[in-house]
């Protein structure tokens, strides 16, 4: 059995609701769809029990009907697990993972600035990547965002 298949089976054995929600797309790459409610448990298990000790990135997506956040995790062996969580557009909220990966704060600030996703538990800090004078409520990676051009300038 491949390392990827072994990880998939361990995840399904621990969380039966993941059956049919994990795809091995190629060697060393797994993609998993988690719910908002199950994310903390699945994430904790992947990091604590399966050895996904490296946070490579966090990616935000606007998928028209909902937002998605993808956590890209890796093992020392090079196997990557991508955990995708869908969030409602009405109340897009996630919990910070900075207690596990301190570097996550940069990615989480991007989610706030670029998508307007709220990150519960994230320490106060500078905006990133938008400048401090960027208009409140303007999130440029949302599909429905329109750039307002000042015609009087």
Protein backbone atom coordinates (compact mmCIF):
# COMPACT_ATOMS: atom_id res chain seq x y z
CA UNK A 1 0.00 0.00 0.00
CA UNK A 2 1.34 3.46 -0.89
CA UNK A 3 2.02 6.08 1.77
CA UNK A 4 -0.86 8.16 0.38
CA UNK A 5 -3.31 5.25 0.50
CA UNK A 6 -2.18 4.45 4.05
CA UNK A 7 -2.85 8.05 5.15
CA UNK A 8 -6.22 8.00 3.44
CA UNK A 9 -7.19 4.76 5.21
CA UNK A 10 -6.04 6.09 8.60
CA UNK A 11 -8.14 9.23 8.12
CA UNK A 12 -11.23 7.27 7.09
CA UNK A 13 -10.72 4.79 9.94
CA UNK A 14 -10.61 7.67 12.44
CA UNK A 15 -13.30 9.81 10.73
CA UNK A 16 -15.79 7.65 8.83
CA UNK A 17 -17.53 10.77 7.48
CA UNK A 18 -14.44 11.40 5.30
CA UNK A 19 -15.14 8.31 3.19
CA UNK A 20 -15.52 9.60 -0.36
CA UNK A 21 -14.09 13.01 0.57
CA UNK A 22 -10.37 12.23 0.17
CA UNK A 23 -8.70 12.09 -3.22
CA UNK A 24 -5.19 11.03 -4.09
CA UNK A 25 -4.46 13.15 -7.15
CA UNK A 26 -0.92 11.93 -7.75
CA UNK A 27 2.06 10.63 -5.86
CA UNK A 28 2.52 12.50 -2.54
CA UNK A 29 -0.67 14.58 -2.94
CA UNK A 30 -3.92 14.12 -1.03
CA UNK A 31 -6.92 16.45 -1.08
CA UNK A 32 -9.54 16.30 1.63
CA UNK A 33 -12.87 18.13 2.00
CA UNK A 34 -13.76 18.86 5.63
CA UNK A 35 -16.78 20.61 7.07
CA UNK A 36 -16.48 23.67 9.29
CA UNK A 37 -17.57 21.49 12.22
CA UNK A 38 -15.03 18.71 11.58
CA UNK A 39 -12.05 20.83 10.57
CA UNK A 40 -10.46 21.21 14.03
CA UNK A 41 -10.56 17.47 14.71
CA UNK A 42 -9.27 16.48 11.27
CA UNK A 43 -6.56 19.16 11.32
CA UNK A 44 -5.47 18.17 14.84
CA UNK A 45 -5.29 14.50 13.91
CA UNK A 46 -3.31 15.21 10.72
CA UNK A 47 -0.78 17.32 12.62
CA UNK A 48 -0.62 15.35 15.86
CA UNK A 49 -1.01 11.75 14.73
CA UNK A 50 -0.09 11.64 11.05
CA UNK A 51 2.98 13.86 11.20
CA UNK A 52 1.87 16.74 8.99
CA UNK A 53 4.20 19.11 10.82
CA UNK A 54 4.85 21.66 8.07
CA UNK A 55 2.42 24.40 7.06
CA UNK A 56 3.24 25.24 3.44
CA UNK A 57 0.47 27.78 2.82
CA UNK A 58 -3.16 28.69 3.40
CA UNK A 59 -5.12 29.59 0.29
CA UNK A 60 -8.40 31.48 0.16
CA UNK A 61 -10.88 30.97 -2.68
CA UNK A 62 -14.09 32.65 -3.70
CA UNK A 63 -16.16 29.87 -5.27
CA UNK A 64 -19.15 32.14 -6.04
CA UNK A 65 -21.64 30.39 -3.72
CA UNK A 66 -19.19 30.05 -0.81
CA UNK A 67 -15.66 30.77 0.27
CA UNK A 68 -13.12 28.01 0.70
CA UNK A 69 -9.93 27.91 2.71
CA UNK A 70 -7.28 25.32 1.83
CA UNK A 71 -4.63 24.38 4.38
CA UNK A 72 -1.57 22.93 2.63
CA UNK A 73 0.28 20.66 5.07
CA UNK A 74 3.33 18.45 4.51
CA UNK A 75 5.16 15.64 6.22
CA UNK A 76 8.97 15.52 6.34
CA UNK A 77 8.67 12.75 3.71
CA UNK A 78 7.23 15.21 1.19
CA UNK A 79 3.65 13.90 1.25
CA UNK A 80 1.21 16.82 1.17
CA UNK A 81 -2.29 16.92 2.58
CA UNK A 82 -4.55 19.73 1.42
CA UNK A 83 -7.54 20.22 3.71
CA UNK A 84 -10.31 22.31 2.15
CA UNK A 85 -13.07 23.89 4.24
CA UNK A 86 -16.09 25.65 2.75
CA UNK A 87 -17.49 28.72 4.52
CA UNK A 88 -20.80 30.42 3.98
CA UNK A 89 -20.61 33.85 2.39
CA UNK A 90 -23.12 35.15 4.96
CA UNK A 91 -20.78 34.43 7.89
CA UNK A 92 -17.29 33.45 6.76
CA UNK A 93 -15.47 32.62 9.99
CA UNK A 94 -12.57 30.30 10.80
CA UNK A 95 -10.53 29.79 13.95
CA UNK A 96 -6.85 30.68 13.94
CA UNK A 97 -4.29 27.90 13.80
CA UNK A 98 -1.46 30.10 15.12
CA UNK A 99 -1.20 28.02 18.31
CA UNK A 100 -0.08 25.13 16.09
CA UNK A 101 1.77 27.10 13.38
CA UNK A 102 2.78 30.62 14.41
CA UNK A 103 3.55 31.53 10.79
CA UNK A 104 -0.14 31.05 9.96
CA UNK A 105 -0.81 34.63 11.07
CA UNK A 106 0.49 35.99 7.76
CA UNK A 107 -1.82 33.74 5.73
CA UNK A 108 -4.76 34.44 8.03
CA UNK A 109 -4.25 38.21 7.66
CA UNK A 110 -4.38 37.72 3.89
CA UNK A 111 -7.76 35.97 4.28
CA UNK A 112 -9.04 38.94 6.28
CA UNK A 113 -7.73 41.63 3.91
CA UNK A 114 -8.37 39.97 0.56
CA UNK A 115 -11.62 38.07 1.25
CA UNK A 116 -13.13 39.53 4.42
CA UNK A 117 -13.00 36.14 6.15
CA UNK A 118 -13.01 36.57 9.93
CA UNK A 119 -10.31 34.71 11.87
CA UNK A 120 -11.33 34.10 15.48
CA UNK A 121 -8.50 34.20 18.00
CA UNK A 122 -5.95 35.89 15.74
CA UNK A 123 -3.85 38.37 17.72
CA UNK A 124 -4.12 42.04 16.79
CA UNK A 125 -1.43 43.04 14.34
CA UNK A 126 -0.68 44.92 11.16
CA UNK A 127 -2.77 44.58 8.04
CA UNK A 128 -1.38 42.33 5.37
CA UNK A 129 -0.98 42.62 2.41
CA UNK A 130 -3.13 45.72 1.86
CA UNK A 131 -1.96 49.15 3.03
CA UNK A 132 -3.30 50.63 6.26
CA UNK A 133 -5.35 53.24 4.38
CA UNK A 134 -7.18 50.64 2.23
CA UNK A 135 -10.95 51.25 2.46
CA UNK A 136 -12.77 49.21 5.11
CA UNK A 137 -15.04 46.54 3.66
CA UNK A 138 -13.21 46.39 0.32
CA UNK A 139 -11.88 42.88 -0.35
CA UNK A 140 -10.25 42.68 -3.80
CA UNK A 141 -10.20 38.88 -4.24
CA UNK A 142 -13.96 38.52 -3.88
CA UNK A 143 -15.62 37.70 -7.19
CA UNK A 144 -18.21 40.46 -6.64
CA UNK A 145 -15.65 43.17 -5.81
CA UNK A 146 -15.59 46.12 -8.18
CA UNK A 147 -12.84 48.69 -8.25
CA UNK A 148 -14.29 52.15 -7.73
CA UNK A 149 -12.32 54.64 -9.78
CA UNK A 150 -12.36 58.24 -8.63
CA UNK A 151 -13.27 60.10 -11.83
CA UNK A 152 -12.53 63.46 -10.21
CA UNK A 153 -8.87 62.65 -9.62
